[in-house]
Amino acid sequence: MEDRELYERARKRVETRIGFYIHLFVYLAVNALLIFINLTTSPDYYWFKWPLLGWGIGLLFHALGVYASSIGGSVKDRMIKKEMERESSRK
């Protein structure tokens, strides 16, 4: 594999992780604001749990997409390498 290909793949993985960290930061900031608003305006009912839960599920799937794909990526790389070796041996 060329250095340029390795660089591009690494850059893409880093950008994906940075995207997740931005998502996580926004989730924490917005939900902290919603909790503050809820507790100051209507402390008798905790409605902030619904956006916290819904968005949290989305964040969980984002995390799985980012980190599970990096685990699966190494398996995929090995399979591609094996297939390339098979193809080159046929020639």
PDB file of N, CA and C in Angstrom:
ATOM      1  N   MET A   1       0.843  -1.181   0.000  1.00  0.00           N
ATOM      2  CA  MET A   1       0.000   0.000   0.000  1.00  0.00           C
ATOM      3  C   MET A   1       0.886   1.241   0.000  1.00  0.00           C
ATOM      4  N   GLU A   2       0.529   2.204  -0.780  1.00  0.00           N
ATOM      5  CA  GLU A   2       1.325   3.438  -0.882  1.00  0.00           C
ATOM      6  C   GLU A   2       1.188   4.298   0.356  1.00  0.00           C
ATOM      7  N   ASP A   3       2.176   5.164   0.535  1.00  0.00           N
ATOM      8  CA  ASP A   3       2.116   6.105   1.657  1.00  0.00           C
ATOM      9  C   ASP A   3       0.940   7.056   1.518  1.00  0.00           C
ATOM     10  N   ARG A   4       0.652   7.454   0.300  1.00  0.00           N
ATOM     11  CA  ARG A   4      -0.455   8.391   0.067  1.00  0.00           C
ATOM     12  C   ARG A   4      -1.798   7.760   0.454  1.00  0.00           C
ATOM     13  N   GLU A   5      -1.974   6.492   0.107  1.00  0.00           N
ATOM     14  CA  GLU A   5      -3.208   5.785   0.474  1.00  0.00           C
ATOM     15  C   GLU A   5      -3.338   5.674   1.988  1.00  0.00           C
ATOM     16  N   LEU A   6      -2.233   5.322   2.639  1.00  0.00           N
ATOM     17  CA  LEU A   6      -2.251   5.215   4.097  1.00  0.00           C
ATOM     18  C   LEU A   6      -2.583   6.553   4.736  1.00  0.00           C
ATOM     19  N   TYR A   7      -1.980   7.610   4.204  1.00  0.00           N
ATOM     20  CA  TYR A   7      -2.255   8.946   4.724  1.00  0.00           C
ATOM     21  C   TYR A   7      -3.729   9.298   4.570  1.00  0.00           C
ATOM     22  N   GLU A   8      -4.290   9.049   3.402  1.00  0.00           N
ATOM     23  CA  GLU A   8      -5.693   9.393   3.144  1.00  0.00           C
ATOM     24  C   GLU A   8      -6.632   8.608   4.056  1.00  0.00           C
ATOM     25  N   ARG A   9      -6.349   7.346   4.240  1.00  0.00           N
ATOM     26  CA  ARG A   9      -7.196   6.531   5.117  1.00  0.00           C
ATOM     27  C   ARG A   9      -7.098   7.010   6.556  1.00  0.00           C
ATOM     28  N   ALA A  10      -5.887   7.328   7.010  1.00  0.00           N
ATOM     29  CA  ALA A  10      -5.702   7.826   8.375  1.00  0.00           C
ATOM     30  C   ALA A  10      -6.387   9.179   8.543  1.00  0.00           C
ATOM     31  N   ARG A  11      -6.268  10.042   7.540  1.00  0.00           N
ATOM     32  CA  ARG A  11      -6.914  11.357   7.600  1.00  0.00           C
ATOM     33  C   ARG A  11      -8.423  11.207   7.705  1.00  0.00           C
ATOM     34  N   LYS A  12      -8.977  10.297   6.944  1.00  0.00           N
ATOM     35  CA  LYS A  12     -10.419  10.079   6.959  1.00  0.00           C
ATOM     36  C   LYS A  12     -10.882   9.563   8.332  1.00  0.00           C
ATOM     37  N   ARG A  13     -10.115   8.637   8.925  1.00  0.00           N
ATOM     38  CA  ARG A  13     -10.465   8.127  10.254  1.00  0.00           C
ATOM     39  C   ARG A  13     -10.402   9.233  11.296  1.00  0.00           C
ATOM     40  N   VAL A  14      -9.386  10.081  11.207  1.00  0.00           N
ATOM     41  CA  VAL A  14      -9.250  11.183  12.161  1.00  0.00           C
ATOM     42  C   VAL A  14     -10.409  12.166  12.011  1.00  0.00           C
ATOM     43  N   GLU A  15     -10.779  12.495  10.775  1.00  0.00           N
ATOM     44  CA  GLU A  15     -11.906  13.409  10.553  1.00  0.00           C
ATOM     45  C   GLU A  15     -13.200  12.821  11.092  1.00  0.00           C
ATOM     46  N   THR A  16     -13.378  11.524  10.947  1.00  0.00           N
ATOM     47  CA  THR A  16     -14.571  10.866  11.461  1.00  0.00           C
ATOM     48  C   THR A  16     -14.625  10.954  12.978  1.00  0.00           C
ATOM     49  N   ARG A  17     -13.497  10.719  13.618  1.00  0.00           N
ATOM     50  CA  ARG A  17     -13.453  10.812  15.084  1.00  0.00           C
ATOM     51  C   ARG A  17     -13.665  12.241  15.560  1.00  0.00           C
ATOM     52  N   ILE A  18     -13.082  13.205  14.873  1.00  0.00           N
ATOM     53  CA  ILE A  18     -13.284  14.607  15.251  1.00  0.00           C
ATOM     54  C   ILE A  18     -14.763  14.969  15.117  1.00  0.00           C
ATOM     55  N   GLY A  19     -15.406  14.486  14.073  1.00  0.00           N
ATOM     56  CA  GLY A  19     -16.843  14.713  13.898  1.00  0.00           C
ATOM     57  C   GLY A  19     -17.642  14.161  15.065  1.00  0.00           C
ATOM     58  N   PHE A  20     -17.257  12.992  15.548  1.00  0.00           N
ATOM     59  CA  PHE A  20     -17.945  12.417  16.715  1.00  0.00           C
ATOM     60  C   PHE A  20     -17.707  13.274  17.953  1.00  0.00           C
ATOM     61  N   TYR A  21     -16.470  13.726  18.170  1.00  0.00           N
ATOM     62  CA  TYR A  21     -16.183  14.551  19.349  1.00  0.00           C
ATOM     63  C   TYR A  21     -16.960  15.867  19.315  1.00  0.00           C
ATOM     64  N   ILE A  22     -17.113  16.447  18.143  1.00  0.00           N
ATOM     65  CA  ILE A  22     -17.916  17.671  18.016  1.00  0.00           C
ATOM     66  C   ILE A  22     -19.360  17.360  18.374  1.00  0.00           C
ATOM     67  N   HIS A  23     -19.888  16.245  17.857  1.00  0.00           N
ATOM     68  CA  HIS A  23     -21.254  15.830  18.157  1.00  0.00           C
ATOM     69  C   HIS A  23     -21.435  15.644  19.666  1.00  0.00           C
ATOM     70  N   LEU A  24     -20.474  14.989  20.307  1.00  0.00           N
ATOM     71  CA  LEU A  24     -20.534  14.763  21.752  1.00  0.00           C
ATOM     72  C   LEU A  24     -20.527  16.089  22.518  1.00  0.00           C
ATOM     73  N   PHE A  25     -19.656  17.011  22.122  1.00  0.00           N
ATOM     74  CA  PHE A  25     -19.590  18.311  22.801  1.00  0.00           C
ATOM     75  C   PHE A  25     -20.901  19.075  22.668  1.00  0.00           C
ATOM     76  N   VAL A  26     -21.465  19.103  21.473  1.00  0.00           N
ATOM     77  CA  VAL A  26     -22.734  19.803  21.258  1.00  0.00           C
ATOM     78  C   VAL A  26     -23.841  19.147  22.076  1.00  0.00           C
ATOM     79  N   TYR A  27     -23.858  17.824  22.098  1.00  0.00           N
ATOM     80  CA  TYR A  27     -24.847  17.084  22.895  1.00  0.00           C
ATOM     81  C   TYR A  27     -24.771  17.505  24.362  1.00  0.00           C
ATOM     82  N   LEU A  28     -23.558  17.521  24.910  1.00  0.00           N
ATOM     83  CA  LEU A  28     -23.385  17.884  26.316  1.00  0.00           C
ATOM     84  C   LEU A  28     -23.780  19.335  26.589  1.00  0.00           C
ATOM     85  N   ALA A  29     -23.366  20.237  25.718  1.00  0.00           N
ATOM     86  CA  ALA A  29     -23.652  21.660  25.918  1.00  0.00           C
ATOM     87  C   ALA A  29     -25.150  21.944  25.813  1.00  0.00           C
ATOM     88  N   VAL A  30     -25.783  21.442  24.774  1.00  0.00           N
ATOM     89  CA  VAL A  30     -27.215  21.714  24.575  1.00  0.00           C
ATOM     90  C   VAL A  30     -28.040  21.078  25.684  1.00  0.00           C
ATOM     91  N   ASN A  31     -27.702  19.855  26.056  1.00  0.00           N
ATOM     92  CA  ASN A  31     -28.481  19.201  27.103  1.00  0.00           C
ATOM     93  C   ASN A  31     -28.258  19.834  28.465  1.00  0.00           C
ATOM     94  N   ALA A  32     -27.079  20.349  28.729  1.00  0.00           N
ATOM     95  CA  ALA A  32     -26.856  21.093  29.972  1.00  0.00           C
ATOM     96  C   ALA A  32     -27.744  22.340  29.992  1.00  0.00           C
ATOM     97  N   LEU A  33     -27.856  23.000  28.852  1.00  0.00           N
ATOM     98  CA  LEU A  33     -28.734  24.170  28.757  1.00  0.00           C
ATOM     99  C   LEU A  33     -30.196  23.778  28.950  1.00  0.00           C
ATOM    100  N   LEU A  34     -30.610  22.677  28.340  1.00  0.00           N
ATOM    101  CA  LEU A  34     -31.994  22.219  28.503  1.00  0.00           C
ATOM    102  C   LEU A  34     -32.299  21.846  29.951  1.00  0.00           C
ATOM    103  N   ILE A  35     -31.354  21.217  30.619  1.00  0.00           N
ATOM    104  CA  ILE A  35     -31.551  20.872  32.034  1.00  0.00           C
ATOM    105  C   ILE A  35     -31.686  22.140  32.869  1.00  0.00           C
ATOM    106  N   PHE A  36     -30.835  23.116  32.595  1.00  0.00           N
ATOM    107  CA  PHE A  36     -30.911  24.392  33.311  1.00  0.00           C
ATOM    108  C   PHE A  36     -32.262  25.063  33.082  1.00  0.00           C
ATOM    109  N   ILE A  37     -32.702  25.115  31.832  1.00  0.00           N
ATOM    110  CA  ILE A  37     -33.993  25.740  31.515  1.00  0.00           C
ATOM    111  C   ILE A  37     -35.125  24.988  32.207  1.00  0.00           C
ATOM    112  N   ASN A  38     -35.090  23.673  32.142  1.00  0.00           N
ATOM    113  CA  ASN A  38     -36.137  22.864  32.773  1.00  0.00           C
ATOM    114  C   ASN A  38     -36.197  23.114  34.276  1.00  0.00           C
ATOM    115  N   LEU A  39     -35.051  23.083  34.930  1.00  0.00           N
ATOM    116  CA  LEU A  39     -35.042  23.222  36.384  1.00  0.00           C
ATOM    117  C   LEU A  39     -35.395  24.628  36.853  1.00  0.00           C
ATOM    118  N   THR A  40     -35.158  25.629  36.016  1.00  0.00           N
ATOM    119  CA  THR A  40     -35.504  26.997  36.422  1.00  0.00           C
ATOM    120  C   THR A  40     -36.940  27.369  36.070  1.00  0.00           C
ATOM    121  N   THR A  41     -37.511  26.781  35.028  1.00  0.00           N
ATOM    122  CA  THR A  41     -38.865  27.169  34.618  1.00  0.00           C
ATOM    123  C   THR A  41     -39.953  26.228  35.130  1.00  0.00           C
ATOM    124  N   SER A  42     -39.698  24.948  35.151  1.00  0.00           N
ATOM    125  CA  SER A  42     -40.708  23.989  35.629  1.00  0.00           C
ATOM    126  C   SER A  42     -40.043  22.825  36.349  1.00  0.00           C
ATOM    127  N   PRO A  43     -39.576  23.083  37.570  1.00  0.00           N
ATOM    128  CA  PRO A  43     -38.849  22.046  38.298  1.00  0.00           C
ATOM    129  C   PRO A  43     -39.718  20.875  38.762  1.00  0.00           C
ATOM    130  N   ASP A  44     -41.030  21.006  38.635  1.00  0.00           N
ATOM    131  CA  ASP A  44     -41.916  19.923  39.074  1.00  0.00           C
ATOM    132  C   ASP A  44     -42.004  18.778  38.059  1.00  0.00           C
ATOM    133  N   TYR A  45     -41.641  19.033  36.803  1.00  0.00           N
ATOM    134  CA  TYR A  45     -41.646  17.984  35.786  1.00  0.00           C
ATOM    135  C   TYR A  45     -40.323  18.012  35.025  1.00  0.00           C
ATOM    136  N   TYR A  46     -39.655  16.880  34.982  1.00  0.00           N
ATOM    137  CA  TYR A  46     -38.363  16.778  34.305  1.00  0.00           C
ATOM    138  C   TYR A  46     -38.552  16.339  32.852  1.00  0.00           C
ATOM    139  N   TRP A  47     -38.832  17.307  31.995  1.00  0.00           N
ATOM    140  CA  TRP A  47     -39.026  16.996  30.570  1.00  0.00           C
ATOM    141  C   TRP A  47     -37.708  16.884  29.816  1.00  0.00           C
ATOM    142  N   PHE A  48     -36.626  17.364  30.419  1.00  0.00           N
ATOM    143  CA  PHE A  48     -35.332  17.325  29.713  1.00  0.00           C
ATOM    144  C   PHE A  48     -34.872  15.908  29.417  1.00  0.00           C
ATOM    145  N   LYS A  49     -35.432  14.920  30.142  1.00  0.00           N
ATOM    146  CA  LYS A  49     -35.001  13.536  29.936  1.00  0.00           C
ATOM    147  C   LYS A  49     -35.333  13.026  28.539  1.00  0.00           C
ATOM    148  N   TRP A  50     -36.386  13.556  27.903  1.00  0.00           N
ATOM    149  CA  TRP A  50     -36.792  13.059  26.584  1.00  0.00           C
ATOM    150  C   TRP A  50     -35.815  13.455  25.480  1.00  0.00           C
ATOM    151  N   PRO A  51     -35.438  14.734  25.370  1.00  0.00           N
ATOM    152  CA  PRO A  51     -34.411  15.033  24.360  1.00  0.00           C
ATOM    153  C   PRO A  51     -33.057  14.410  24.708  1.00  0.00           C
ATOM    154  N   LEU A  52     -32.749  14.315  25.993  1.00  0.00           N
ATOM    155  CA  LEU A  52     -31.508  13.689  26.432  1.00  0.00           C
ATOM    156  C   LEU A  52     -31.463  12.224  25.982  1.00  0.00           C
ATOM    157  N   LEU A  53     -32.560  11.516  26.161  1.00  0.00           N
ATOM    158  CA  LEU A  53     -32.632  10.118  25.781  1.00  0.00           C
ATOM    159  C   LEU A  53     -32.627   9.942  24.259  1.00  0.00           C
ATOM    160  N   GLY A  54     -33.459  10.692  23.556  1.00  0.00           N
ATOM    161  CA  GLY A  54     -33.550  10.556  22.102  1.00  0.00           C
ATOM    162  C   GLY A  54     -32.248  10.875  21.402  1.00  0.00           C
ATOM    163  N   TRP A  55     -31.674  12.001  21.756  1.00  0.00           N
ATOM    164  CA  TRP A  55     -30.410  12.402  21.154  1.00  0.00           C
ATOM    165  C   TRP A  55     -29.285  11.467  21.590  1.00  0.00           C
ATOM    166  N   GLY A  56     -29.374  10.985  22.829  1.00  0.00           N
ATOM    167  CA  GLY A  56     -28.366  10.055  23.337  1.00  0.00           C
ATOM    168  C   GLY A  56     -28.328   8.767  22.528  1.00  0.00           C
ATOM    169  N   ILE A  57     -29.496   8.300  22.093  1.00  0.00           N
ATOM    170  CA  ILE A  57     -29.544   7.106  21.246  1.00  0.00           C
ATOM    171  C   ILE A  57     -28.844   7.388  19.915  1.00  0.00           C
ATOM    172  N   GLY A  58     -29.110   8.559  19.340  1.00  0.00           N
ATOM    173  CA  GLY A  58     -28.436   8.943  18.104  1.00  0.00           C
ATOM    174  C   GLY A  58     -26.928   9.037  18.283  1.00  0.00           C
ATOM    175  N   LEU A  59     -26.510   9.593  19.414  1.00  0.00           N
ATOM    176  CA  LEU A  59     -25.077   9.714  19.721  1.00  0.00           C
ATOM    177  C   LEU A  59     -24.440   8.333  19.892  1.00  0.00           C
ATOM    178  N   LEU A  60     -25.160   7.419  20.509  1.00  0.00           N
ATOM    179  CA  LEU A  60     -24.666   6.056  20.665  1.00  0.00           C
ATOM    180  C   LEU A  60     -24.423   5.404  19.302  1.00  0.00           C
ATOM    181  N   PHE A  61     -25.375   5.557  18.380  1.00  0.00           N
ATOM    182  CA  PHE A  61     -25.196   4.984  17.057  1.00  0.00           C
ATOM    183  C   PHE A  61     -24.056   5.660  16.293  1.00  0.00           C
ATOM    184  N   HIS A  62     -23.873   6.952  16.519  1.00  0.00           N
ATOM    185  CA  HIS A  62     -22.745   7.652  15.905  1.00  0.00           C
ATOM    186  C   HIS A  62     -21.434   7.055  16.434  1.00  0.00           C
ATOM    187  N   ALA A  63     -21.364   6.850  17.738  1.00  0.00           N
ATOM    188  CA  ALA A  63     -20.154   6.261  18.345  1.00  0.00           C
ATOM    189  C   ALA A  63     -19.896   4.861  17.804  1.00  0.00           C
ATOM    190  N   LEU A  64     -20.948   4.072  17.695  1.00  0.00           N
ATOM    191  CA  LEU A  64     -20.785   2.726  17.144  1.00  0.00           C
ATOM    192  C   LEU A  64     -20.297   2.784  15.707  1.00  0.00           C
ATOM    193  N   GLY A  65     -20.818   3.714  14.939  1.00  0.00           N
ATOM    194  CA  GLY A  65     -20.383   3.859  13.556  1.00  0.00           C
ATOM    195  C   GLY A  65     -18.924   4.258  13.449  1.00  0.00           C
ATOM    196  N   VAL A  66     -18.481   5.102  14.346  1.00  0.00           N
ATOM    197  CA  VAL A  66     -17.091   5.570  14.310  1.00  0.00           C
ATOM    198  C   VAL A  66     -16.134   4.500  14.809  1.00  0.00           C
ATOM    199  N   TYR A  67     -16.426   3.931  15.967  1.00  0.00           N
ATOM    200  CA  TYR A  67     -15.464   3.021  16.584  1.00  0.00           C
ATOM    201  C   TYR A  67     -15.625   1.581  16.137  1.00  0.00           C
ATOM    202  N   ALA A  68     -16.821   1.147  15.825  1.00  0.00           N
ATOM    203  CA  ALA A  68     -16.995  -0.222  15.319  1.00  0.00           C
ATOM    204  C   ALA A  68     -16.433  -0.332  13.905  1.00  0.00           C
ATOM    205  N   SER A  69     -16.525   0.742  13.123  1.00  0.00           N
ATOM    206  CA  SER A  69     -15.975   0.690  11.766  1.00  0.00           C
ATOM    207  C   SER A  69     -14.453   0.633  11.794  1.00  0.00           C
ATOM    208  N   SER A  70     -13.837   1.226  12.804  1.00  0.00           N
ATOM    209  CA  SER A  70     -12.374   1.138  12.877  1.00  0.00           C
ATOM    210  C   SER A  70     -11.934  -0.269  13.252  1.00  0.00           C
ATOM    211  N   ILE A  71     -12.739  -0.967  14.045  1.00  0.00           N
ATOM    212  CA  ILE A  71     -12.435  -2.361  14.375  1.00  0.00           C
ATOM    213  C   ILE A  71     -12.653  -3.224  13.141  1.00  0.00           C
ATOM    214  N   GLY A  72     -13.786  -3.010  12.492  1.00  0.00           N
ATOM    215  CA  GLY A  72     -14.083  -3.764  11.280  1.00  0.00           C
ATOM    216  C   GLY A  72     -13.152  -3.405  10.138  1.00  0.00           C
ATOM    217  N   GLY A  73     -12.590  -2.213  10.170  1.00  0.00           N
ATOM    218  CA  GLY A  73     -11.684  -1.781   9.117  1.00  0.00           C
ATOM    219  C   GLY A  73     -10.441  -2.642   9.023  1.00  0.00           C
ATOM    220  N   SER A  74      -9.915  -3.047  10.167  1.00  0.00           N
ATOM    221  CA  SER A  74      -8.718  -3.884  10.136  1.00  0.00           C
ATOM    222  C   SER A  74      -9.041  -5.265   9.563  1.00  0.00           C
ATOM    223  N   VAL A  75     -10.221  -5.773   9.865  1.00  0.00           N
ATOM    224  CA  VAL A  75     -10.641  -7.052   9.291  1.00  0.00           C
ATOM    225  C   VAL A  75     -10.801  -6.899   7.786  1.00  0.00           C
ATOM    226  N   LYS A  76     -11.410  -5.801   7.402  1.00  0.00           N
ATOM    227  CA  LYS A  76     -11.609  -5.526   5.979  1.00  0.00           C
ATOM    228  C   LYS A  76     -10.267  -5.408   5.261  1.00  0.00           C
ATOM    229  N   ASP A  77      -9.312  -4.726   5.881  1.00  0.00           N
ATOM    230  CA  ASP A  77      -7.978  -4.583   5.283  1.00  0.00           C
ATOM    231  C   ASP A  77      -7.315  -5.942   5.064  1.00  0.00           C
ATOM    232  N   ARG A  78      -7.423  -6.815   6.060  1.00  0.00           N
ATOM    233  CA  ARG A  78      -6.831  -8.149   5.913  1.00  0.00           C
ATOM    234  C   ARG A  78      -7.496  -8.940   4.793  1.00  0.00           C
ATOM    235  N   MET A  79      -8.821  -8.817   4.691  1.00  0.00           N
ATOM    236  CA  MET A  79      -9.541  -9.536   3.635  1.00  0.00           C
ATOM    237  C   MET A  79      -9.152  -9.011   2.254  1.00  0.00           C
ATOM    238  N   ILE A  80      -9.011  -7.696   2.146  1.00  0.00           N
ATOM    239  CA  ILE A  80      -8.609  -7.093   0.868  1.00  0.00           C
ATOM    240  C   ILE A  80      -7.208  -7.555   0.498  1.00  0.00           C
ATOM    241  N   LYS A  81      -6.303  -7.541   1.472  1.00  0.00           N
ATOM    242  CA  LYS A  81      -4.925  -7.970   1.207  1.00  0.00           C
ATOM    243  C   LYS A  81      -4.892  -9.419   0.749  1.00  0.00           C
ATOM    244  N   LYS A  82      -5.658 -10.277   1.399  1.00  0.00           N
ATOM    245  CA  LYS A  82      -5.713 -11.687   1.043  1.00  0.00           C
ATOM    246  C   LYS A  82      -6.274 -11.872  -0.366  1.00  0.00           C
ATOM    247  N   GLU A  83      -7.307 -11.110  -0.682  1.00  0.00           N
ATOM    248  CA  GLU A  83      -7.917 -11.196  -2.020  1.00  0.00           C
ATOM    249  C   GLU A  83      -6.952 -10.702  -3.092  1.00  0.00           C
ATOM    250  N   MET A  84      -6.206  -9.653  -2.798  1.00  0.00           N
ATOM    251  CA  MET A  84      -5.225  -9.136  -3.754  1.00  0.00           C
ATOM    252  C   MET A  84      -4.123 -10.172  -3.988  1.00  0.00           C
ATOM    253  N   GLU A  85      -3.712 -10.861  -2.927  1.00  0.00           N
ATOM    254  CA  GLU A  85      -2.699 -11.906  -3.076  1.00  0.00           C
ATOM    255  C   GLU A  85      -3.225 -13.055  -3.937  1.00  0.00           C
ATOM    256  N   ARG A  86      -4.491 -13.402  -3.735  1.00  0.00           N
ATOM    257  CA  ARG A  86      -5.106 -14.459  -4.544  1.00  0.00           C
ATOM    258  C   ARG A  86      -5.148 -14.084  -6.011  1.00  0.00           C
ATOM    259  N   GLU A  87      -5.528 -12.840  -6.265  1.00  0.00           N
ATOM    260  CA  GLU A  87      -5.606 -12.352  -7.653  1.00  0.00           C
ATOM    261  C   GLU A  87      -4.233 -12.327  -8.322  1.00  0.00           C
ATOM    262  N   SER A  88      -3.229 -11.885  -7.574  1.00  0.00           N
ATOM    263  CA  SER A  88      -1.890 -11.812  -8.162  1.00  0.00           C
ATOM    264  C   SER A  88      -1.308 -13.200  -8.413  1.00  0.00           C
ATOM    265  N   SER A  89      -1.708 -14.193  -7.614  1.00  0.00           N
ATOM    266  CA  SER A  89      -1.189 -15.547  -7.830  1.00  0.00           C
ATOM    267  C   SER A  89      -1.855 -16.217  -9.035  1.00  0.00           C
ATOM    268  N   ARG A  90      -3.013 -15.770  -9.458  1.00  0.00           N
ATOM    269  CA  ARG A  90      -3.708 -16.334 -10.619  1.00  0.00           C
ATOM    270  C   ARG A  90      -3.047 -15.931 -11.928  1.00  0.00           C
ATOM    271  N   LYS A  91      -2.355 -14.820 -11.920  1.00  0.00           N
ATOM    272  CA  LYS A  91      -1.767 -14.295 -13.149  1.00  0.00           C
ATOM    273  C   LYS A  91      -0.495 -14.984 -13.515  1.00  0.00           C
TER     274      LYS A  91
END
